[in-house]
Amino acid sequence: MTDDPRKEIDQDEQPNRKATTDGGSEPPTKPNAPSNLPQYISTGVEKQSPEDLRDLAAYAERMAEWMEAEAQRELEQRADQSATETPDEWEDDEWEDAVDDAREDADIPASKGTLTTKTIDGRDYWYLQWREGSKIKSQYVAPVVPADNE
């Protein structure tokens, strides 16, 4: 170690370098691409300059943030459209109660979530779905056809 704090910071910012016994460092090791990354992307990335790679990393981060925000906007837009429409099989008050109960159970605001149907064992059910980060969460609402209509 040196007495110069800038030198210590510079060494810490080189995560692929290993210190040697003589105080120097070994050359960085080539990182492995993530196993889920398509080969055509990793092959193309390996051909880029360090400057282009830094630009690509910044772009990829901004693109991921935009895609997550866009998915959330779409879910919220669908929620606004579907939450106002009562399915034909339901009475308005009963449907509103079922959706409100599901939102309360899920602990989400009325502005969040979209209604979708899922088929389980040949029967259709309404679910409320919303995004939390990169995950889509679901909360049961009610059967598509209420029990008293069967």
Protein backbone atom coordinates (compact mmCIF):
# COMPACT_ATOMS: atom_id res chain seq x y z
CA MET A 1 0.00 0.00 0.00
CA THR A 2 1.08 3.54 -0.64
CA ASP A 3 0.49 6.65 1.43
CA ASP A 4 -1.30 8.25 -1.51
CA PRO A 5 -5.09 7.68 -1.07
CA ARG A 6 -5.67 8.23 -4.79
CA LYS A 7 -3.50 5.20 -5.54
CA GLU A 8 -5.61 3.05 -3.20
CA ILE A 9 -8.82 4.19 -4.88
CA ASP A 10 -7.41 3.42 -8.33
CA GLN A 11 -6.44 -0.11 -7.26
CA ASP A 12 -9.88 -0.71 -5.73
CA GLU A 13 -11.55 0.28 -8.99
CA GLN A 14 -9.87 -2.57 -10.87
CA PRO A 15 -11.96 -5.56 -9.73
CA ASN A 16 -10.46 -8.04 -12.23
CA ARG A 17 -6.86 -7.42 -11.14
CA LYS A 18 -5.19 -9.51 -8.45
CA ALA A 19 -2.38 -8.18 -6.29
CA THR A 20 0.97 -9.92 -6.58
CA THR A 21 3.55 -10.47 -3.85
CA ASP A 22 5.81 -7.77 -5.31
CA GLY A 23 3.08 -5.09 -4.96
CA GLY A 24 2.11 -5.11 -8.64
CA SER A 25 -0.93 -6.74 -10.13
CA GLU A 26 -1.66 -9.50 -12.60
CA PRO A 27 -3.43 -8.71 -15.85
CA PRO A 28 -7.22 -8.78 -15.56
CA THR A 29 -8.99 -12.04 -16.34
CA LYS A 30 -11.60 -12.15 -19.09
CA PRO A 31 -15.10 -12.19 -17.57
CA ASN A 32 -17.59 -14.90 -18.51
CA ALA A 33 -20.81 -13.89 -20.19
CA PRO A 34 -24.01 -14.65 -18.25
CA SER A 35 -25.23 -18.14 -19.12
CA ASN A 36 -28.66 -16.84 -20.16
CA LEU A 37 -27.21 -14.29 -22.61
CA PRO A 38 -27.62 -15.35 -26.26
CA GLN A 39 -24.29 -16.19 -27.89
CA TYR A 40 -24.79 -13.71 -30.73
CA ILE A 41 -24.91 -10.90 -28.15
CA SER A 42 -21.85 -12.02 -26.18
CA THR A 43 -19.89 -12.53 -29.41
CA GLY A 44 -20.79 -9.00 -30.57
CA VAL A 45 -19.99 -7.50 -27.17
CA GLU A 46 -16.52 -9.06 -27.17
CA LYS A 47 -15.72 -7.24 -30.42
CA GLN A 48 -16.40 -3.76 -28.99
CA SER A 49 -13.95 -1.19 -27.65
CA PRO A 50 -13.91 -0.40 -23.91
CA GLU A 51 -15.51 2.99 -24.60
CA ASP A 52 -18.30 1.42 -26.67
CA LEU A 53 -18.85 -1.20 -23.95
CA ARG A 54 -19.29 1.52 -21.32
CA ASP A 55 -21.76 3.30 -23.62
CA LEU A 56 -23.56 -0.01 -24.18
CA ALA A 57 -23.77 -0.66 -20.43
CA ALA A 58 -25.29 2.78 -19.81
CA TYR A 59 -27.73 2.29 -22.71
CA ALA A 60 -28.73 -1.19 -21.47
CA GLU A 61 -29.45 0.19 -17.99
CA ARG A 62 -31.59 3.01 -19.40
CA MET A 63 -33.39 0.58 -21.72
CA ALA A 64 -34.16 -1.81 -18.81
CA GLU A 65 -35.56 1.07 -16.75
CA TRP A 66 -37.69 2.26 -19.68
CA MET A 67 -39.01 -1.26 -20.40
CA GLU A 68 -39.97 -1.76 -16.74
CA ALA A 69 -41.71 1.63 -16.64
CA GLU A 70 -43.49 0.92 -19.94
CA ALA A 71 -44.75 -2.44 -18.66
CA GLN A 72 -46.03 -0.75 -15.50
CA ARG A 73 -47.79 1.95 -17.57
CA GLU A 74 -49.47 -0.73 -19.69
CA LEU A 75 -50.63 -2.63 -16.59
CA GLU A 76 -52.01 0.57 -15.08
CA GLN A 77 -53.73 1.53 -18.33
CA ARG A 78 -55.38 -1.89 -18.60
CA ALA A 79 -56.36 -1.65 -14.93
CA ASP A 80 -58.06 1.68 -15.56
CA GLN A 81 -60.00 0.18 -18.47
CA SER A 82 -60.93 -3.16 -16.92
CA ALA A 83 -61.68 -1.96 -13.38
CA THR A 84 -64.51 0.22 -14.61
CA GLU A 85 -66.30 -2.55 -16.51
CA THR A 86 -68.44 -5.06 -14.65
CA PRO A 87 -68.49 -8.49 -16.30
CA ASP A 88 -71.91 -9.48 -17.69
CA GLU A 89 -72.26 -12.35 -15.21
CA TRP A 90 -71.92 -10.06 -12.18
CA GLU A 91 -74.05 -7.41 -10.48
CA ASP A 92 -72.25 -4.04 -10.21
CA ASP A 93 -72.15 -3.95 -6.40
CA GLU A 94 -71.01 -7.56 -6.02
CA TRP A 95 -68.26 -7.10 -8.60
CA GLU A 96 -66.98 -3.87 -7.03
CA ASP A 97 -66.93 -5.58 -3.60
CA ALA A 98 -64.98 -8.57 -4.98
CA VAL A 99 -62.39 -6.32 -6.66
CA ASP A 100 -62.09 -4.06 -3.59
CA ASP A 101 -61.59 -7.12 -1.36
CA ALA A 102 -58.86 -8.44 -3.68
CA ARG A 103 -57.08 -5.06 -3.68
CA GLU A 104 -57.29 -4.96 0.12
CA ASP A 105 -55.94 -8.53 0.44
CA ALA A 106 -53.09 -7.65 -1.96
CA ASP A 107 -52.47 -4.33 -0.16
CA ILE A 108 -52.37 -2.36 -3.43
CA PRO A 109 -54.08 0.94 -4.32
CA ALA A 110 -57.05 1.14 -6.66
CA SER A 111 -54.83 2.71 -9.32
CA LYS A 112 -52.63 -0.38 -9.52
CA GLY A 113 -53.30 -3.75 -11.14
CA THR A 114 -55.19 -5.23 -14.03
CA LEU A 115 -57.87 -7.90 -14.14
CA THR A 116 -57.10 -11.10 -16.01
CA THR A 117 -58.67 -14.53 -16.23
CA LYS A 118 -57.00 -17.86 -15.58
CA THR A 119 -58.39 -21.31 -16.31
CA ILE A 120 -57.78 -23.88 -13.58
CA ASP A 121 -59.21 -27.40 -13.83
CA GLY A 122 -61.56 -26.30 -16.59
CA ARG A 123 -63.03 -23.34 -14.65
CA ASP A 124 -62.28 -19.66 -15.27
CA TYR A 125 -61.30 -17.28 -12.47
CA TRP A 126 -60.63 -13.55 -12.25
CA TYR A 127 -57.25 -12.46 -10.87
CA LEU A 128 -55.83 -9.04 -10.16
CA GLN A 129 -52.26 -8.70 -11.46
CA TRP A 130 -49.66 -5.99 -10.87
CA ARG A 131 -45.93 -5.50 -11.16
CA GLU A 132 -43.52 -5.23 -8.25
CA GLY A 133 -40.11 -4.53 -9.71
CA SER A 134 -39.46 -7.23 -12.30
CA LYS A 135 -42.05 -9.66 -10.87
CA ILE A 136 -45.74 -9.90 -11.72
CA LYS A 137 -47.90 -10.60 -8.66
CA SER A 138 -51.44 -12.04 -8.66
CA GLN A 139 -54.39 -11.95 -6.26
CA TYR A 140 -57.53 -14.06 -6.63
CA VAL A 141 -60.71 -12.02 -7.16
CA ALA A 142 -63.60 -14.37 -7.98
CA PRO A 143 -64.85 -17.00 -10.41
CA VAL A 144 -65.80 -15.66 -13.85
CA VAL A 145 -69.30 -17.05 -13.35
CA PRO A 146 -70.57 -16.39 -9.80
CA ALA A 147 -71.78 -19.43 -7.85
CA ASP A 148 -75.38 -18.20 -7.86
CA ASN A 149 -75.36 -18.03 -11.71
CA GLU A 150 -74.25 -21.61 -12.31
